[in-house]
């Protein structure tokens, strides 16, 4: 069974999670057979390890972590691999891969440029 985790930095503002919920709803509507969780590095619940644990408890054995970041900075290049390494030790039967940061995807760049032009 496959799962996706939308991974963000986290923030003190409770509204920070809303775009993640909207993305999750779209993914679930387009791929109802894929389990989708949201996970954060800090300041916002749930933390990434809890999201991985939730998917594992539902029988997911392939997880794709999608960093909702503009570019791969320290958190994506250093913190995320450490968190995933720890999770893979806890759940050795689960394959965890990381997608490109959303800000590196051409379609996302195009959408942001279109917004900037129309704003």
PDB file of N, CA and C in Angstrom:
ATOM      1  N   UNK A   1       0.851  -1.172   0.000  1.00  0.00           N
ATOM      2  CA  UNK A   1       0.000   0.000   0.000  1.00  0.00           C
ATOM      3  C   UNK A   1       0.898   1.236   0.000  1.00  0.00           C
ATOM      4  N   UNK A   2       0.469   2.265  -0.726  1.00  0.00           N
ATOM      5  CA  UNK A   2       1.264   3.481  -0.865  1.00  0.00           C
ATOM      6  C   UNK A   2       0.720   4.614  -0.001  1.00  0.00           C
ATOM      7  N   UNK A   3       1.664   5.474   0.422  1.00  0.00           N
ATOM      8  CA  UNK A   3       1.299   6.643   1.199  1.00  0.00           C
ATOM      9  C   UNK A   3       2.142   7.840   0.791  1.00  0.00           C
ATOM     10  N   UNK A   4       1.600   8.999   1.039  1.00  0.00           N
ATOM     11  CA  UNK A   4       2.287  10.259   0.770  1.00  0.00           C
ATOM     12  C   UNK A   4       2.255  11.079   2.049  1.00  0.00           C
ATOM     13  N   UNK A   5       3.382  11.716   2.344  1.00  0.00           N
ATOM     14  CA  UNK A   5       3.422  12.675   3.446  1.00  0.00           C
ATOM     15  C   UNK A   5       3.788  14.030   2.872  1.00  0.00           C
ATOM     16  N   UNK A   6       2.941  15.005   3.103  1.00  0.00           N
ATOM     17  CA  UNK A   6       3.217  16.385   2.743  1.00  0.00           C
ATOM     18  C   UNK A   6       4.018  16.972   3.899  1.00  0.00           C
ATOM     19  N   UNK A   7       5.296  17.257   3.661  1.00  0.00           N
ATOM     20  CA  UNK A   7       6.217  17.658   4.723  1.00  0.00           C
ATOM     21  C   UNK A   7       6.495  19.154   4.674  1.00  0.00           C
ATOM     22  N   UNK A   8       6.263  19.820   5.802  1.00  0.00           N
ATOM     23  CA  UNK A   8       6.528  21.258   5.891  1.00  0.00           C
ATOM     24  C   UNK A   8       7.384  21.592   7.081  1.00  0.00           C
ATOM     25  N   UNK A   9       7.818  22.828   7.111  1.00  0.00           N
ATOM     26  CA  UNK A   9       8.660  23.290   8.213  1.00  0.00           C
ATOM     27  C   UNK A   9       7.879  23.371   9.515  1.00  0.00           C
ATOM     28  N   UNK A  10       6.719  23.996   9.449  1.00  0.00           N
ATOM     29  CA  UNK A  10       5.924  24.264  10.651  1.00  0.00           C
ATOM     30  C   UNK A  10       6.038  25.733  11.013  1.00  0.00           C
ATOM     31  N   UNK A  11       5.057  26.226  11.740  1.00  0.00           N
ATOM     32  CA  UNK A  11       5.023  27.637  12.139  1.00  0.00           C
ATOM     33  C   UNK A  11       4.136  27.789  13.369  1.00  0.00           C
ATOM     34  N   UNK A  12       4.307  28.898  14.043  1.00  0.00           N
ATOM     35  CA  UNK A  12       3.471  29.152  15.226  1.00  0.00           C
ATOM     36  C   UNK A  12       2.039  29.539  14.845  1.00  0.00           C
ATOM     37  N   UNK A  13       1.866  30.113  13.672  1.00  0.00           N
ATOM     38  CA  UNK A  13       0.556  30.544  13.211  1.00  0.00           C
ATOM     39  C   UNK A  13      -0.291  29.311  12.890  1.00  0.00           C
ATOM     40  N   UNK A  14      -1.425  29.128  13.560  1.00  0.00           N
ATOM     41  CA  UNK A  14      -2.255  27.943  13.319  1.00  0.00           C
ATOM     42  C   UNK A  14      -2.808  27.865  11.893  1.00  0.00           C
ATOM     43  N   UNK A  15      -2.867  28.973  11.191  1.00  0.00           N
ATOM     44  CA  UNK A  15      -3.369  28.973   9.816  1.00  0.00           C
ATOM     45  C   UNK A  15      -2.354  28.388   8.830  1.00  0.00           C
ATOM     46  N   UNK A  16      -1.117  28.218   9.271  1.00  0.00           N
ATOM     47  CA  UNK A  16      -0.055  27.683   8.416  1.00  0.00           C
ATOM     48  C   UNK A  16      -0.433  26.322   7.825  1.00  0.00           C
ATOM     49  N   UNK A  17      -1.180  25.530   8.557  1.00  0.00           N
ATOM     50  CA  UNK A  17      -1.505  24.165   8.130  1.00  0.00           C
ATOM     51  C   UNK A  17      -2.586  24.117   7.037  1.00  0.00           C
ATOM     52  N   UNK A  18      -3.339  25.186   6.864  1.00  0.00           N
ATOM     53  CA  UNK A  18      -4.471  25.153   5.931  1.00  0.00           C
ATOM     54  C   UNK A  18      -4.089  24.798   4.495  1.00  0.00           C
ATOM     55  N   UNK A  19      -3.040  25.382   3.906  1.00  0.00           N
ATOM     56  CA  UNK A  19      -2.690  24.965   2.539  1.00  0.00           C
ATOM     57  C   UNK A  19      -2.325  23.482   2.450  1.00  0.00           C
ATOM     58  N   UNK A  20      -1.719  22.944   3.501  1.00  0.00           N
ATOM     59  CA  UNK A  20      -1.390  21.518   3.522  1.00  0.00           C
ATOM     60  C   UNK A  20      -2.672  20.683   3.505  1.00  0.00           C
ATOM     61  N   UNK A  21      -3.667  21.122   4.242  1.00  0.00           N
ATOM     62  CA  UNK A  21      -4.955  20.410   4.250  1.00  0.00           C
ATOM     63  C   UNK A  21      -5.613  20.465   2.872  1.00  0.00           C
ATOM     64  N   UNK A  22      -5.495  21.612   2.212  1.00  0.00           N
ATOM     65  CA  UNK A  22      -6.081  21.751   0.878  1.00  0.00           C
ATOM     66  C   UNK A  22      -5.366  20.853  -0.125  1.00  0.00           C
ATOM     67  N   UNK A  23      -4.038  20.799  -0.048  1.00  0.00           N
ATOM     68  CA  UNK A  23      -3.278  19.915  -0.939  1.00  0.00           C
ATOM     69  C   UNK A  23      -3.665  18.466  -0.672  1.00  0.00           C
ATOM     70  N   UNK A  24      -3.746  18.094   0.612  1.00  0.00           N
ATOM     71  CA  UNK A  24      -4.122  16.722   0.965  1.00  0.00           C
ATOM     72  C   UNK A  24      -5.485  16.369   0.384  1.00  0.00           C
ATOM     73  N   UNK A  25      -6.439  17.271   0.476  1.00  0.00           N
ATOM     74  CA  UNK A  25      -7.783  16.998  -0.045  1.00  0.00           C
ATOM     75  C   UNK A  25      -7.752  16.747  -1.549  1.00  0.00           C
ATOM     76  N   UNK A  26      -6.960  17.503  -2.274  1.00  0.00           N
ATOM     77  CA  UNK A  26      -6.864  17.317  -3.721  1.00  0.00           C
ATOM     78  C   UNK A  26      -6.203  15.976  -4.038  1.00  0.00           C
ATOM     79  N   UNK A  27      -5.124  15.651  -3.340  1.00  0.00           N
ATOM     80  CA  UNK A  27      -4.446  14.369  -3.568  1.00  0.00           C
ATOM     81  C   UNK A  27      -5.402  13.215  -3.273  1.00  0.00           C
ATOM     82  N   UNK A  28      -6.106  13.285  -2.167  1.00  0.00           N
ATOM     83  CA  UNK A  28      -7.052  12.220  -1.810  1.00  0.00           C
ATOM     84  C   UNK A  28      -8.166  12.074  -2.839  1.00  0.00           C
ATOM     85  N   UNK A  29      -8.629  13.202  -3.386  1.00  0.00           N
ATOM     86  CA  UNK A  29      -9.682  13.138  -4.402  1.00  0.00           C
ATOM     87  C   UNK A  29      -9.167  12.516  -5.696  1.00  0.00           C
ATOM     88  N   UNK A  30      -7.926  12.805  -6.042  1.00  0.00           N
ATOM     89  CA  UNK A  30      -7.368  12.292  -7.295  1.00  0.00           C
ATOM     90  C   UNK A  30      -6.830  10.867  -7.165  1.00  0.00           C
ATOM     91  N   UNK A  31      -6.405  10.488  -5.960  1.00  0.00           N
ATOM     92  CA  UNK A  31      -5.854   9.143  -5.744  1.00  0.00           C
ATOM     93  C   UNK A  31      -6.411   8.567  -4.448  1.00  0.00           C
ATOM     94  N   UNK A  32      -7.682   8.155  -4.467  1.00  0.00           N
ATOM     95  CA  UNK A  32      -8.320   7.674  -3.238  1.00  0.00           C
ATOM     96  C   UNK A  32      -7.697   6.401  -2.668  1.00  0.00           C
ATOM     97  N   UNK A  33      -6.900   5.703  -3.451  1.00  0.00           N
ATOM     98  CA  UNK A  33      -6.262   4.482  -2.955  1.00  0.00           C
ATOM     99  C   UNK A  33      -4.938   4.757  -2.236  1.00  0.00           C
ATOM    100  N   UNK A  34      -4.499   6.014  -2.208  1.00  0.00           N
ATOM    101  CA  UNK A  34      -3.243   6.391  -1.548  1.00  0.00           C
ATOM    102  C   UNK A  34      -3.560   7.056  -0.212  1.00  0.00           C
ATOM    103  N   UNK A  35      -2.881   6.623   0.826  1.00  0.00           N
ATOM    104  CA  UNK A  35      -3.043   7.211   2.157  1.00  0.00           C
ATOM    105  C   UNK A  35      -2.204   8.490   2.227  1.00  0.00           C
ATOM    106  N   UNK A  36      -2.778   9.592   2.717  1.00  0.00           N
ATOM    107  CA  UNK A  36      -2.073  10.870   2.747  1.00  0.00           C
ATOM    108  C   UNK A  36      -2.042  11.417   4.172  1.00  0.00           C
ATOM    109  N   UNK A  37      -0.848  11.808   4.587  1.00  0.00           N
ATOM    110  CA  UNK A  37      -0.659  12.428   5.888  1.00  0.00           C
ATOM    111  C   UNK A  37       0.085  13.747   5.701  1.00  0.00           C
ATOM    112  N   UNK A  38       0.051  14.565   6.727  1.00  0.00           N
ATOM    113  CA  UNK A  38       0.800  15.818   6.786  1.00  0.00           C
ATOM    114  C   UNK A  38       1.761  15.683   7.959  1.00  0.00           C
ATOM    115  N   UNK A  39       2.998  16.149   7.777  1.00  0.00           N
ATOM    116  CA  UNK A  39       3.976  16.082   8.856  1.00  0.00           C
ATOM    117  C   UNK A  39       4.886  17.298   8.826  1.00  0.00           C
ATOM    118  N   UNK A  40       5.356  17.682  10.001  1.00  0.00           N
ATOM    119  CA  UNK A  40       6.151  18.900  10.100  1.00  0.00           C
ATOM    120  C   UNK A  40       7.463  18.664  10.832  1.00  0.00           C
ATOM    121  N   UNK A  41       8.408  19.563  10.570  1.00  0.00           N
ATOM    122  CA  UNK A  41       9.706  19.519  11.221  1.00  0.00           C
ATOM    123  C   UNK A  41       9.605  20.033  12.647  1.00  0.00           C
ATOM    124  N   UNK A  42       8.926  21.160  12.828  1.00  0.00           N
ATOM    125  CA  UNK A  42       8.817  21.760  14.155  1.00  0.00           C
ATOM    126  C   UNK A  42       7.636  22.720  14.220  1.00  0.00           C
ATOM    127  N   UNK A  43       7.264  23.074  15.410  1.00  0.00           N
ATOM    128  CA  UNK A  43       6.267  24.105  15.719  1.00  0.00           C
ATOM    129  C   UNK A  43       4.816  23.763  15.381  1.00  0.00           C
ATOM    130  N   UNK A  44       4.579  22.807  14.515  1.00  0.00           N
ATOM    131  CA  UNK A  44       3.233  22.442  14.098  1.00  0.00           C
ATOM    132  C   UNK A  44       3.073  20.938  14.242  1.00  0.00           C
ATOM    133  N   UNK A  45       1.905  20.510  14.649  1.00  0.00           N
ATOM    134  CA  UNK A  45       1.607  19.079  14.797  1.00  0.00           C
ATOM    135  C   UNK A  45       0.913  18.558  13.551  1.00  0.00           C
ATOM    136  N   UNK A  46       1.147  17.341  13.184  1.00  0.00           N
ATOM    137  CA  UNK A  46       1.992  16.341  13.822  1.00  0.00           C
ATOM    138  C   UNK A  46       3.422  16.404  13.287  1.00  0.00           C
ATOM    139  N   UNK A  47       4.381  15.957  14.092  1.00  0.00           N
ATOM    140  CA  UNK A  47       5.746  15.856  13.584  1.00  0.00           C
ATOM    141  C   UNK A  47       5.843  14.718  12.555  1.00  0.00           C
ATOM    142  N   UNK A  48       6.860  14.779  11.728  1.00  0.00           N
ATOM    143  CA  UNK A  48       7.020  13.801  10.655  1.00  0.00           C
ATOM    144  C   UNK A  48       6.990  12.370  11.161  1.00  0.00           C
ATOM    145  N   UNK A  49       7.667  12.078  12.262  1.00  0.00           N
ATOM    146  CA  UNK A  49       7.717  10.691  12.743  1.00  0.00           C
ATOM    147  C   UNK A  49       6.339  10.166  13.130  1.00  0.00           C
ATOM    148  N   UNK A  50       5.483  11.021  13.631  1.00  0.00           N
ATOM    149  CA  UNK A  50       4.119  10.607  13.975  1.00  0.00           C
ATOM    150  C   UNK A  50       3.330  10.305  12.698  1.00  0.00           C
ATOM    151  N   UNK A  51       3.551  11.080  11.657  1.00  0.00           N
ATOM    152  CA  UNK A  51       2.866  10.830  10.384  1.00  0.00           C
ATOM    153  C   UNK A  51       3.312   9.513   9.765  1.00  0.00           C
ATOM    154  N   UNK A  52       4.613   9.230   9.850  1.00  0.00           N
ATOM    155  CA  UNK A  52       5.128   7.957   9.344  1.00  0.00           C
ATOM    156  C   UNK A  52       4.521   6.802  10.146  1.00  0.00           C
ATOM    157  N   UNK A  53       4.478   6.956  11.451  1.00  0.00           N
ATOM    158  CA  UNK A  53       3.905   5.923  12.323  1.00  0.00           C
ATOM    159  C   UNK A  53       2.432   5.682  11.984  1.00  0.00           C
ATOM    160  N   UNK A  54       1.693   6.752  11.710  1.00  0.00           N
ATOM    161  CA  UNK A  54       0.273   6.616  11.370  1.00  0.00           C
ATOM    162  C   UNK A  54       0.093   5.824  10.077  1.00  0.00           C
ATOM    163  N   UNK A  55       0.925   6.093   9.082  1.00  0.00           N
ATOM    164  CA  UNK A  55       0.835   5.343   7.833  1.00  0.00           C
ATOM    165  C   UNK A  55       1.223   3.888   8.042  1.00  0.00           C
ATOM    166  N   UNK A  56       2.268   3.660   8.816  1.00  0.00           N
ATOM    167  CA  UNK A  56       2.700   2.284   9.097  1.00  0.00           C
ATOM    168  C   UNK A  56       1.589   1.500   9.785  1.00  0.00           C
ATOM    169  N   UNK A  57       0.879   2.150  10.698  1.00  0.00           N
ATOM    170  CA  UNK A  57      -0.207   1.487  11.427  1.00  0.00           C
ATOM    171  C   UNK A  57      -1.356   1.099  10.499  1.00  0.00           C
ATOM    172  N   UNK A  58      -1.475   1.799   9.374  1.00  0.00           N
ATOM    173  CA  UNK A  58      -2.529   1.484   8.396  1.00  0.00           C
ATOM    174  C   UNK A  58      -2.038   0.523   7.315  1.00  0.00           C
ATOM    175  N   UNK A  59      -0.851  -0.015   7.479  1.00  0.00           N
ATOM    176  CA  UNK A  59      -0.349  -1.012   6.548  1.00  0.00           C
ATOM    177  C   UNK A  59       0.383  -0.469   5.333  1.00  0.00           C
ATOM    178  N   UNK A  60       0.709   0.817   5.345  1.00  0.00           N
ATOM    179  CA  UNK A  60       1.444   1.404   4.229  1.00  0.00           C
ATOM    180  C   UNK A  60       2.879   0.884   4.263  1.00  0.00           C
ATOM    181  N   UNK A  61       3.375   0.451   3.104  1.00  0.00           N
ATOM    182  CA  UNK A  61       4.761  -0.031   3.062  1.00  0.00           C
ATOM    183  C   UNK A  61       5.635   0.750   2.086  1.00  0.00           C
ATOM    184  N   UNK A  62       5.052   1.718   1.378  1.00  0.00           N
ATOM    185  CA  UNK A  62       5.800   2.618   0.498  1.00  0.00           C
ATOM    186  C   UNK A  62       5.355   4.044   0.792  1.00  0.00           C
ATOM    187  N   UNK A  63       6.278   4.860   1.278  1.00  0.00           N
ATOM    188  CA  UNK A  63       5.951   6.246   1.617  1.00  0.00           C
ATOM    189  C   UNK A  63       6.794   7.182   0.754  1.00  0.00           C
ATOM    190  N   UNK A  64       6.130   8.151   0.175  1.00  0.00           N
ATOM    191  CA  UNK A  64       6.798   9.213  -0.576  1.00  0.00           C
ATOM    192  C   UNK A  64       6.624  10.488   0.221  1.00  0.00           C
ATOM    193  N   UNK A  65       7.733  11.076   0.674  1.00  0.00           N
ATOM    194  CA  UNK A  65       7.700  12.343   1.404  1.00  0.00           C
ATOM    195  C   UNK A  65       7.859  13.463   0.384  1.00  0.00           C
ATOM    196  N   UNK A  66       6.908  14.389   0.389  1.00  0.00           N
ATOM    197  CA  UNK A  66       6.926  15.509  -0.550  1.00  0.00           C
ATOM    198  C   UNK A  66       7.196  16.789   0.235  1.00  0.00           C
ATOM    199  N   UNK A  67       8.418  17.329   0.118  1.00  0.00           N
ATOM    200  CA  UNK A  67       8.742  18.564   0.841  1.00  0.00           C
ATOM    201  C   UNK A  67       8.011  19.770   0.224  1.00  0.00           C
ATOM    202  N   UNK A  68       7.172  20.390   1.033  1.00  0.00           N
ATOM    203  CA  UNK A  68       6.470  21.589   0.582  1.00  0.00           C
ATOM    204  C   UNK A  68       7.367  22.774   0.959  1.00  0.00           C
ATOM    205  N   UNK A  69       8.484  22.849   0.233  1.00  0.00           N
ATOM    206  CA  UNK A  69       9.504  23.888   0.398  1.00  0.00           C
ATOM    207  C   UNK A  69       9.809  24.436  -0.986  1.00  0.00           C
ATOM    208  N   UNK A  70      10.252  25.701  -1.057  1.00  0.00           N
ATOM    209  CA  UNK A  70      10.616  26.272  -2.350  1.00  0.00           C
ATOM    210  C   UNK A  70      11.899  25.677  -2.899  1.00  0.00           C
ATOM    211  N   UNK A  71      12.850  25.375  -2.028  1.00  0.00           N
ATOM    212  CA  UNK A  71      14.143  24.857  -2.470  1.00  0.00           C
ATOM    213  C   UNK A  71      14.732  23.988  -1.366  1.00  0.00           C
ATOM    214  N   UNK A  72      15.677  23.128  -1.725  1.00  0.00           N
ATOM    215  CA  UNK A  72      16.278  22.249  -0.721  1.00  0.00           C
ATOM    216  C   UNK A  72      17.366  22.947   0.089  1.00  0.00           C
ATOM    217  N   UNK A  73      16.972  23.511   1.197  1.00  0.00           N
ATOM    218  CA  UNK A  73      17.924  24.106   2.132  1.00  0.00           C
ATOM    219  C   UNK A  73      18.309  23.104   3.205  1.00  0.00           C
ATOM    220  N   UNK A  74      18.820  23.593   4.307  1.00  0.00           N
ATOM    221  CA  UNK A  74      19.320  22.759   5.394  1.00  0.00           C
ATOM    222  C   UNK A  74      18.291  21.744   5.882  1.00  0.00           C
ATOM    223  N   UNK A  75      17.045  22.176   6.028  1.00  0.00           N
ATOM    224  CA  UNK A  75      16.021  21.269   6.563  1.00  0.00           C
ATOM    225  C   UNK A  75      15.774  20.078   5.636  1.00  0.00           C
ATOM    226  N   UNK A  76      15.797  20.313   4.340  1.00  0.00           N
ATOM    227  CA  UNK A  76      15.565  19.232   3.389  1.00  0.00           C
ATOM    228  C   UNK A  76      16.831  18.399   3.167  1.00  0.00           C
ATOM    229  N   UNK A  77      17.969  19.057   3.157  1.00  0.00           N
ATOM    230  CA  UNK A  77      19.222  18.354   2.864  1.00  0.00           C
ATOM    231  C   UNK A  77      19.829  17.651   4.074  1.00  0.00           C
ATOM    232  N   UNK A  78      19.594  18.171   5.273  1.00  0.00           N
ATOM    233  CA  UNK A  78      20.207  17.587   6.470  1.00  0.00           C
ATOM    234  C   UNK A  78      19.175  16.982   7.423  1.00  0.00           C
ATOM    235  N   UNK A  79      18.210  17.797   7.851  1.00  0.00           N
ATOM    236  CA  UNK A  79      17.244  17.335   8.857  1.00  0.00           C
ATOM    237  C   UNK A  79      16.348  16.214   8.337  1.00  0.00           C
ATOM    238  N   UNK A  80      15.815  16.376   7.140  1.00  0.00           N
ATOM    239  CA  UNK A  80      14.891  15.378   6.595  1.00  0.00           C
ATOM    240  C   UNK A  80      15.550  14.006   6.427  1.00  0.00           C
ATOM    241  N   UNK A  81      16.755  13.908   5.848  1.00  0.00           N
ATOM    242  CA  UNK A  81      17.388  12.581   5.754  1.00  0.00           C
ATOM    243  C   UNK A  81      17.626  11.928   7.116  1.00  0.00           C
ATOM    244  N   UNK A  82      17.951  12.726   8.120  1.00  0.00           N
ATOM    245  CA  UNK A  82      18.135  12.171   9.469  1.00  0.00           C
ATOM    246  C   UNK A  82      16.824  11.622  10.014  1.00  0.00           C
ATOM    247  N   UNK A  83      15.749  12.374   9.845  1.00  0.00           N
ATOM    248  CA  UNK A  83      14.437  11.921  10.310  1.00  0.00           C
ATOM    249  C   UNK A  83      14.003  10.652   9.583  1.00  0.00           C
ATOM    250  N   UNK A  84      14.245  10.612   8.291  1.00  0.00           N
ATOM    251  CA  UNK A  84      13.865   9.429   7.514  1.00  0.00           C
ATOM    252  C   UNK A  84      14.728   8.236   7.905  1.00  0.00           C
ATOM    253  N   UNK A  85      16.011   8.465   8.126  1.00  0.00           N
ATOM    254  CA  UNK A  85      16.884   7.379   8.573  1.00  0.00           C
ATOM    255  C   UNK A  85      16.407   6.772   9.875  1.00  0.00           C
ATOM    256  N   UNK A  86      16.023   7.627  10.820  1.00  0.00           N
ATOM    257  CA  UNK A  86      15.487   7.145  12.100  1.00  0.00           C
ATOM    258  C   UNK A  86      14.203   6.347  11.890  1.00  0.00           C
ATOM    259  N   UNK A  87      13.343   6.830  11.007  1.00  0.00           N
ATOM    260  CA  UNK A  87      12.078   6.135  10.747  1.00  0.00           C
ATOM    261  C   UNK A  87      12.323   4.779  10.093  1.00  0.00           C
ATOM    262  N   UNK A  88      13.285   4.709   9.205  1.00  0.00           N
ATOM    263  CA  UNK A  88      13.568   3.441   8.528  1.00  0.00           C
ATOM    264  C   UNK A  88      14.149   2.414   9.497  1.00  0.00           C
ATOM    265  N   UNK A  89      14.835   2.878  10.531  1.00  0.00           N
ATOM    266  CA  UNK A  89      15.301   1.961  11.578  1.00  0.00           C
ATOM    267  C   UNK A  89      14.117   1.438  12.388  1.00  0.00           C
ATOM    268  N   UNK A  90      13.160   2.326  12.676  1.00  0.00           N
ATOM    269  CA  UNK A  90      11.969   1.924  13.439  1.00  0.00           C
ATOM    270  C   UNK A  90      11.048   1.030  12.641  1.00  0.00           C
ATOM    271  N   UNK A  91      10.970   1.276  11.337  1.00  0.00           N
ATOM    272  CA  UNK A  91      10.053   0.549  10.458  1.00  0.00           C
ATOM    273  C   UNK A  91      10.835  -0.022   9.275  1.00  0.00           C
ATOM    274  N   UNK A  92      11.615  -1.086   9.502  1.00  0.00           N
ATOM    275  CA  UNK A  92      12.486  -1.610   8.443  1.00  0.00           C
ATOM    276  C   UNK A  92      11.743  -2.172   7.233  1.00  0.00           C
ATOM    277  N   UNK A  93      10.486  -2.469   7.355  1.00  0.00           N
ATOM    278  CA  UNK A  93       9.726  -3.012   6.232  1.00  0.00           C
ATOM    279  C   UNK A  93       9.109  -1.954   5.338  1.00  0.00           C
ATOM    280  N   UNK A  94       9.375  -0.695   5.635  1.00  0.00           N
ATOM    281  CA  UNK A  94       8.775   0.395   4.867  1.00  0.00           C
ATOM    282  C   UNK A  94       9.842   1.081   4.018  1.00  0.00           C
ATOM    283  N   UNK A  95       9.519   1.291   2.761  1.00  0.00           N
ATOM    284  CA  UNK A  95      10.375   2.043   1.852  1.00  0.00           C
ATOM    285  C   UNK A  95       9.962   3.512   1.914  1.00  0.00           C
ATOM    286  N   UNK A  96      10.923   4.392   2.165  1.00  0.00           N
ATOM    287  CA  UNK A  96      10.624   5.821   2.232  1.00  0.00           C
ATOM    288  C   UNK A  96      11.510   6.545   1.229  1.00  0.00           C
ATOM    289  N   UNK A  97      10.884   7.284   0.326  1.00  0.00           N
ATOM    290  CA  UNK A  97      11.612   8.078  -0.653  1.00  0.00           C
ATOM    291  C   UNK A  97      11.197   9.538  -0.513  1.00  0.00           C
ATOM    292  N   UNK A  98      12.022  10.421  -1.068  1.00  0.00           N
ATOM    293  CA  UNK A  98      11.757  11.852  -0.982  1.00  0.00           C
ATOM    294  C   UNK A  98      11.632  12.424  -2.387  1.00  0.00           C
ATOM    295  N   UNK A  99      10.557  13.143  -2.626  1.00  0.00           N
ATOM    296  CA  UNK A  99      10.337  13.822  -3.903  1.00  0.00           C
ATOM    297  C   UNK A  99      11.115  15.139  -3.911  1.00  0.00           C
ATOM    298  N   UNK A 100      11.212  15.739  -5.069  1.00  0.00           N
ATOM    299  CA  UNK A 100      11.800  17.071  -5.176  1.00  0.00           C
ATOM    300  C   UNK A 100      10.937  18.068  -4.406  1.00  0.00           C
ATOM    301  N   UNK A 101      11.557  19.117  -3.925  1.00  0.00           N
ATOM    302  CA  UNK A 101      10.795  20.199  -3.285  1.00  0.00           C
ATOM    303  C   UNK A 101       9.812  20.766  -4.307  1.00  0.00           C
ATOM    304  N   UNK A 102       8.640  21.148  -3.852  1.00  0.00           N
ATOM    305  CA  UNK A 102       7.627  21.639  -4.797  1.00  0.00           C
ATOM    306  C   UNK A 102       8.121  22.847  -5.581  1.00  0.00           C
ATOM    307  N   UNK A 103       8.961  23.665  -4.981  1.00  0.00           N
ATOM    308  CA  UNK A 103       9.476  24.847  -5.670  1.00  0.00           C
ATOM    309  C   UNK A 103      10.432  24.542  -6.802  1.00  0.00           C
ATOM    310  N   UNK A 104      10.824  23.290  -6.948  1.00  0.00           N
ATOM    311  CA  UNK A 104      11.710  22.888  -8.040  1.00  0.00           C
ATOM    312  C   UNK A 104      10.952  22.284  -9.217  1.00  0.00           C
ATOM    313  N   UNK A 105       9.659  22.154  -9.085  1.00  0.00           N
ATOM    314  CA  UNK A 105       8.842  21.509 -10.115  1.00  0.00           C
ATOM    315  C   UNK A 105       8.377  22.569 -11.122  1.00  0.00           C
ATOM    316  N   UNK A 106       8.635  22.306 -12.407  1.00  0.00           N
ATOM    317  CA  UNK A 106       8.323  23.284 -13.453  1.00  0.00           C
ATOM    318  C   UNK A 106       6.878  23.752 -13.423  1.00  0.00           C
ATOM    319  N   UNK A 107       5.938  22.839 -13.232  1.00  0.00           N
ATOM    320  CA  UNK A 107       4.513  23.226 -13.228  1.00  0.00           C
ATOM    321  C   UNK A 107       4.208  24.177 -12.067  1.00  0.00           C
ATOM    322  N   UNK A 108       4.869  23.983 -10.933  1.00  0.00           N
ATOM    323  CA  UNK A 108       4.656  24.855  -9.779  1.00  0.00           C
ATOM    324  C   UNK A 108       5.272  26.226 -10.044  1.00  0.00           C
ATOM    325  N   UNK A 109       6.463  26.250 -10.607  1.00  0.00           N
ATOM    326  CA  UNK A 109       7.104  27.528 -10.962  1.00  0.00           C
ATOM    327  C   UNK A 109       6.231  28.293 -11.947  1.00  0.00           C
ATOM    328  N   UNK A 110       5.702  27.580 -12.933  1.00  0.00           N
ATOM    329  CA  UNK A 110       4.824  28.206 -13.915  1.00  0.00           C
ATOM    330  C   UNK A 110       3.574  28.781 -13.261  1.00  0.00           C
ATOM    331  N   UNK A 111       2.982  28.030 -12.330  1.00  0.00           N
ATOM    332  CA  UNK A 111       1.790  28.512 -11.629  1.00  0.00           C
ATOM    333  C   UNK A 111       2.107  29.743 -10.782  1.00  0.00           C
ATOM    334  N   UNK A 112       3.254  29.761 -10.115  1.00  0.00           N
ATOM    335  CA  UNK A 112       3.638  30.925  -9.301  1.00  0.00           C
ATOM    336  C   UNK A 112       3.926  32.126 -10.171  1.00  0.00           C
ATOM    337  N   UNK A 113       4.567  31.898 -11.330  1.00  0.00           N
ATOM    338  CA  UNK A 113       4.832  32.999 -12.251  1.00  0.00           C
ATOM    339  C   UNK A 113       3.507  33.568 -12.789  1.00  0.00           C
ATOM    340  N   UNK A 114       2.570  32.686 -13.115  1.00  0.00           N
ATOM    341  CA  UNK A 114       1.273  33.142 -13.575  1.00  0.00           C
ATOM    342  C   UNK A 114       0.554  33.967 -12.517  1.00  0.00           C
ATOM    343  N   UNK A 115       0.664  33.542 -11.287  1.00  0.00           N
ATOM    344  CA  UNK A 115       0.053  34.301 -10.184  1.00  0.00           C
ATOM    345  C   UNK A 115       0.719  35.675 -10.064  1.00  0.00           C
ATOM    346  N   UNK A 116       2.046  35.703 -10.140  1.00  0.00           N
ATOM    347  CA  UNK A 116       2.771  36.976 -10.028  1.00  0.00           C
ATOM    348  C   UNK A 116       2.367  37.949 -11.135  1.00  0.00           C
ATOM    349  N   UNK A 117       2.173  37.418 -12.321  1.00  0.00           N
ATOM    350  CA  UNK A 117       1.773  38.259 -13.464  1.00  0.00           C
ATOM    351  C   UNK A 117       0.368  38.807 -13.270  1.00  0.00           C
ATOM    352  N   UNK A 118      -0.537  37.983 -12.748  1.00  0.00           N
ATOM    353  CA  UNK A 118      -1.931  38.386 -12.592  1.00  0.00           C
ATOM    354  C   UNK A 118      -2.195  39.152 -11.304  1.00  0.00           C
ATOM    355  N   UNK A 119      -1.293  39.117 -10.358  1.00  0.00           N
ATOM    356  CA  UNK A 119      -1.526  39.731  -9.036  1.00  0.00           C
ATOM    357  C   UNK A 119      -1.617  41.238  -9.117  1.00  0.00           C
TER     358      UNK A 119
END
